[in-house]
C-alpha atoms as a PDB file:
ATOM      1  CA  MET A   1     123.146  75.172  10.952  1.00  0.00           C
ATOM      2  CA  ALA A   2     122.519  72.059  12.926  1.00  0.00           C
ATOM      3  CA  VAL A   3     126.040  69.925  13.764  1.00  0.00           C
ATOM      4  CA  THR A   4     125.254  66.410  13.129  1.00  0.00           C
ATOM      5  CA  GLY A   5     128.697  64.672  13.157  1.00  0.00           C
ATOM      6  CA  LEU A   6     129.044  65.659  17.165  1.00  0.00           C
ATOM      7  CA  SER A   7     127.090  63.618  19.355  1.00  0.00           C
ATOM      8  CA  GLN A   8     125.016  65.889  22.626  1.00  0.00           C
ATOM      9  CA  SER A   9     127.690  64.902  24.979  1.00  0.00           C
ATOM     10  CA  GLU A  10     130.393  66.467  22.928  1.00  0.00           C
ATOM     11  CA  ARG A  11     128.258  69.672  21.597  1.00  0.00           C
ATOM     12  CA  GLU A  12     128.135  69.904  25.336  1.00  0.00           C
ATOM     13  CA  LEU A  13     131.777  69.641  26.117  1.00  0.00           C
ATOM     14  CA  VAL A  14     132.281  72.045  23.183  1.00  0.00           C
ATOM     15  CA  ALA A  15     130.035  74.345  24.412  1.00  0.00           C
ATOM     16  CA  ILE A  16     131.650  74.675  28.373  1.00  0.00           C
ATOM     17  CA  GLY A  17     134.979  74.994  26.697  1.00  0.00           C
ATOM     18  CA  ALA A  18     133.632  78.006  24.587  1.00  0.00           C
ATOM     19  CA  ALA A  19     131.794  79.198  28.261  1.00  0.00           C
ATOM     20  CA  VAL A  20     134.607  78.877  29.860  1.00  0.00           C
ATOM     21  CA  ALA A  21     137.217  80.443  27.584  1.00  0.00           C
ATOM     22  CA  SER A  22     134.456  83.701  26.961  1.00  0.00           C
ATOM     23  CA  ASN A  23     134.618  83.931  30.882  1.00  0.00           C
ATOM     24  CA  CYS A  24     130.190  83.589  30.231  1.00  0.00           C
ATOM     25  CA  ILE A  25     128.638  82.520  33.591  1.00  0.00           C
ATOM     26  CA  PRO A  26     125.378  82.100  32.178  1.00  0.00           C
ATOM     27  CA  CYS A  27     126.562  79.940  29.507  1.00  0.00           C
ATOM     28  CA  VAL A  28     128.530  77.828  32.156  1.00  0.00           C
ATOM     29  CA  GLU A  29     125.468  78.019  34.078  1.00  0.00           C
ATOM     30  CA  TYR A  30     123.427  76.959  31.268  1.00  0.00           C
ATOM     31  CA  HIS A  31     125.625  74.175  29.617  1.00  0.00           C
ATOM     32  CA  VAL A  32     126.873  72.167  32.714  1.00  0.00           C
ATOM     33  CA  PRO A  33     123.546  71.114  33.661  1.00  0.00           C
ATOM     34  CA  GLU A  34     122.891  70.318  29.905  1.00  0.00           C
ATOM     35  CA  ALA A  35     126.215  68.414  30.050  1.00  0.00           C
ATOM     36  CA  ARG A  36     125.089  66.500  32.708  1.00  0.00           C
ATOM     37  CA  LYS A  37     121.482  65.328  31.218  1.00  0.00           C
ATOM     38  CA  SER A  38     123.870  64.311  28.194  1.00  0.00           C
ATOM     39  CA  GLY A  39     125.210  61.485  30.423  1.00  0.00           C
ATOM     40  CA  LEU A  40     128.624  63.274  30.955  1.00  0.00           C
ATOM     41  CA  THR A  41     129.853  62.739  35.113  1.00  0.00           C
ATOM     42  CA  ASP A  42     131.054  65.905  36.910  1.00  0.00           C
ATOM     43  CA  ALA A  43     134.369  64.654  36.841  1.00  0.00           C
ATOM     44  CA  GLN A  44     134.559  64.666  33.044  1.00  0.00           C
ATOM     45  CA  ILE A  45     132.956  68.171  32.611  1.00  0.00           C
ATOM     46  CA  ALA A  46     135.357  69.341  35.330  1.00  0.00           C
ATOM     47  CA  GLU A  47     138.094  67.574  32.864  1.00  0.00           C
ATOM     48  CA  ALA A  48     136.864  69.986  30.069  1.00  0.00           C
ATOM     49  CA  VAL A  49     136.628  72.872  32.264  1.00  0.00           C
ATOM     50  CA  ARG A  50     140.172  73.019  33.296  1.00  0.00           C
ATOM     51  CA  LEU A  51     141.129  72.049  29.765  1.00  0.00           C
ATOM     52  CA  ALA A  52     139.492  75.191  28.623  1.00  0.00           C
ATOM     53  CA  ASP A  53     140.737  77.072  31.358  1.00  0.00           C
ATOM     54  CA  ARG A  54     144.167  76.250  30.316  1.00  0.00           C
ATOM     55  CA  VAL A  55     143.653  77.559  26.817  1.00  0.00           C
ATOM     56  CA  ARG A  56     142.009  80.585  27.994  1.00  0.00           C
ATOM     57  CA  GLN A  57     145.210  81.358  29.881  1.00  0.00           C
ATOM     58  CA  VAL A  58     147.419  81.575  26.697  1.00  0.00           C
ATOM     59  CA  PRO A  59     146.113  84.557  25.450  1.00  0.00           C
ATOM     60  CA  ALA A  60     145.735  86.150  28.858  1.00  0.00           C
ATOM     61  CA  LYS A  61     149.063  85.617  29.973  1.00  0.00           C
ATOM     62  CA  LYS A  62     150.806  86.863  26.581  1.00  0.00           C
ATOM     63  CA  VAL A  63     148.447  90.292  27.064  1.00  0.00           C
ATOM     64  CA  LEU A  64     149.398  90.401  30.756  1.00  0.00           C
ATOM     65  CA  ASP A  65     153.657  89.865  29.592  1.00  0.00           C
ATOM     66  CA  ALA A  66     153.063  93.014  26.834  1.00  0.00           C
ATOM     67  CA  ALA A  67     151.490  95.198  29.771  1.00  0.00           C
ATOM     68  CA  ILE A  68     154.276  94.198  32.329  1.00  0.00           C
ATOM     69  CA  GLY A  69     156.619  94.685  29.332  1.00  0.00           C
ATOM     70  CA  MET A  70     155.603  98.175  28.783  1.00  0.00           C
ATOM     71  CA  LEU A  71     156.145  99.616  32.070  1.00  0.00           C
ATOM     72  CA  ALA A  72     159.398 101.174  33.416  1.00  0.00           C
ATOM     73  CA  VAL A  73     159.706  99.901  36.572  1.00  0.00           C
ATOM     74  CA  PRO A  74     160.593  96.514  37.690  1.00  0.00           C
ATOM     75  CA  GLN A  75     158.396  93.725  38.144  1.00  0.00           C
ATOM     76  CA  PRO A  76     158.487  90.610  40.571  1.00  0.00           C
ATOM     77  CA  ASP A  77     159.332  87.587  38.400  1.00  0.00           C
ATOM     78  CA  HIS A  78     156.066  85.296  38.416  1.00  0.00           C
ATOM     79  CA  GLY A  79     157.481  82.611  36.001  1.00  0.00           C
ATOM     80  CA  SER A  80     157.192  85.088  33.033  1.00  0.00           C
ATOM     81  CA  SER A  81     158.723  84.554  29.735  1.00  0.00           C
ATOM     82  CA  GLY A  82     159.867  88.481  30.115  1.00  0.00           C
ATOM     83  CA  THR A  83     158.736  88.754  26.291  1.00  0.00           C
ATOM     84  CA  PRO A  84     156.308  90.739  25.257  1.00  0.00           C
ATOM     85  CA  GLY A  85     153.596  89.702  23.282  1.00  0.00           C
ATOM     86  CA  PRO A  86     152.870  91.525  19.782  1.00  0.00           C
ATOM     87  CA  SER A  87     152.016  95.337  20.275  1.00  0.00           C
ATOM     88  CA  CYS A  88     148.224  96.579  20.202  1.00  0.00           C
ATOM     89  CA  SER A  89     149.189  98.398  16.540  1.00  0.00           C
ATOM     90  CA  ALA A  90     149.543  94.886  15.145  1.00  0.00           C
ATOM     91  CA  VAL A  91     146.247  93.967  16.918  1.00  0.00           C
ATOM     92  CA  THR A  92     144.336  97.615  16.108  1.00  0.00           C
ATOM     93  CA  ALA A  93     141.522  95.855  14.182  1.00  0.00           C
ATOM     94  CA  SER A  94     140.816  93.158  16.242  1.00  0.00           C
ATOM     95  CA  CYS A  95     140.843  95.277  19.728  1.00  0.00           C
ATOM     96  CA  GLY A  96     139.504  98.671  18.312  1.00  0.00           C
ATOM     97  CA  HIS A  97     141.797 100.406  19.906  1.00  0.00           C
ATOM     98  CA  ALA A  98     143.453 103.283  17.712  1.00  0.00           C
ATOM     99  CA  ARG A  99     146.769 104.600  18.300  1.00  0.00           C
ATOM    100  CA  ASP A 100     147.518 108.040  18.872  1.00  0.00           C
END
């Protein structure tokens, strides 16, 4: 299915965002040059990369908070909200881990 409502530059920005969010180095290595070919500047590409990284950090922070929240030892405060995220049992279907 072809996406026709977006320009080539817009498609490359979306692809870069998805590549960064999914930690896919080969995808980044492919889409950054493609974005340049589509006319995007390095400054525009960098802005997309930074935005994608900020979006990616939200669930990563929630996982970190959940893991730290389960520990019985005090942890240094690095700006954490101290509120653990959802338990694995709440996301068992998506993470694939069975509860004992």
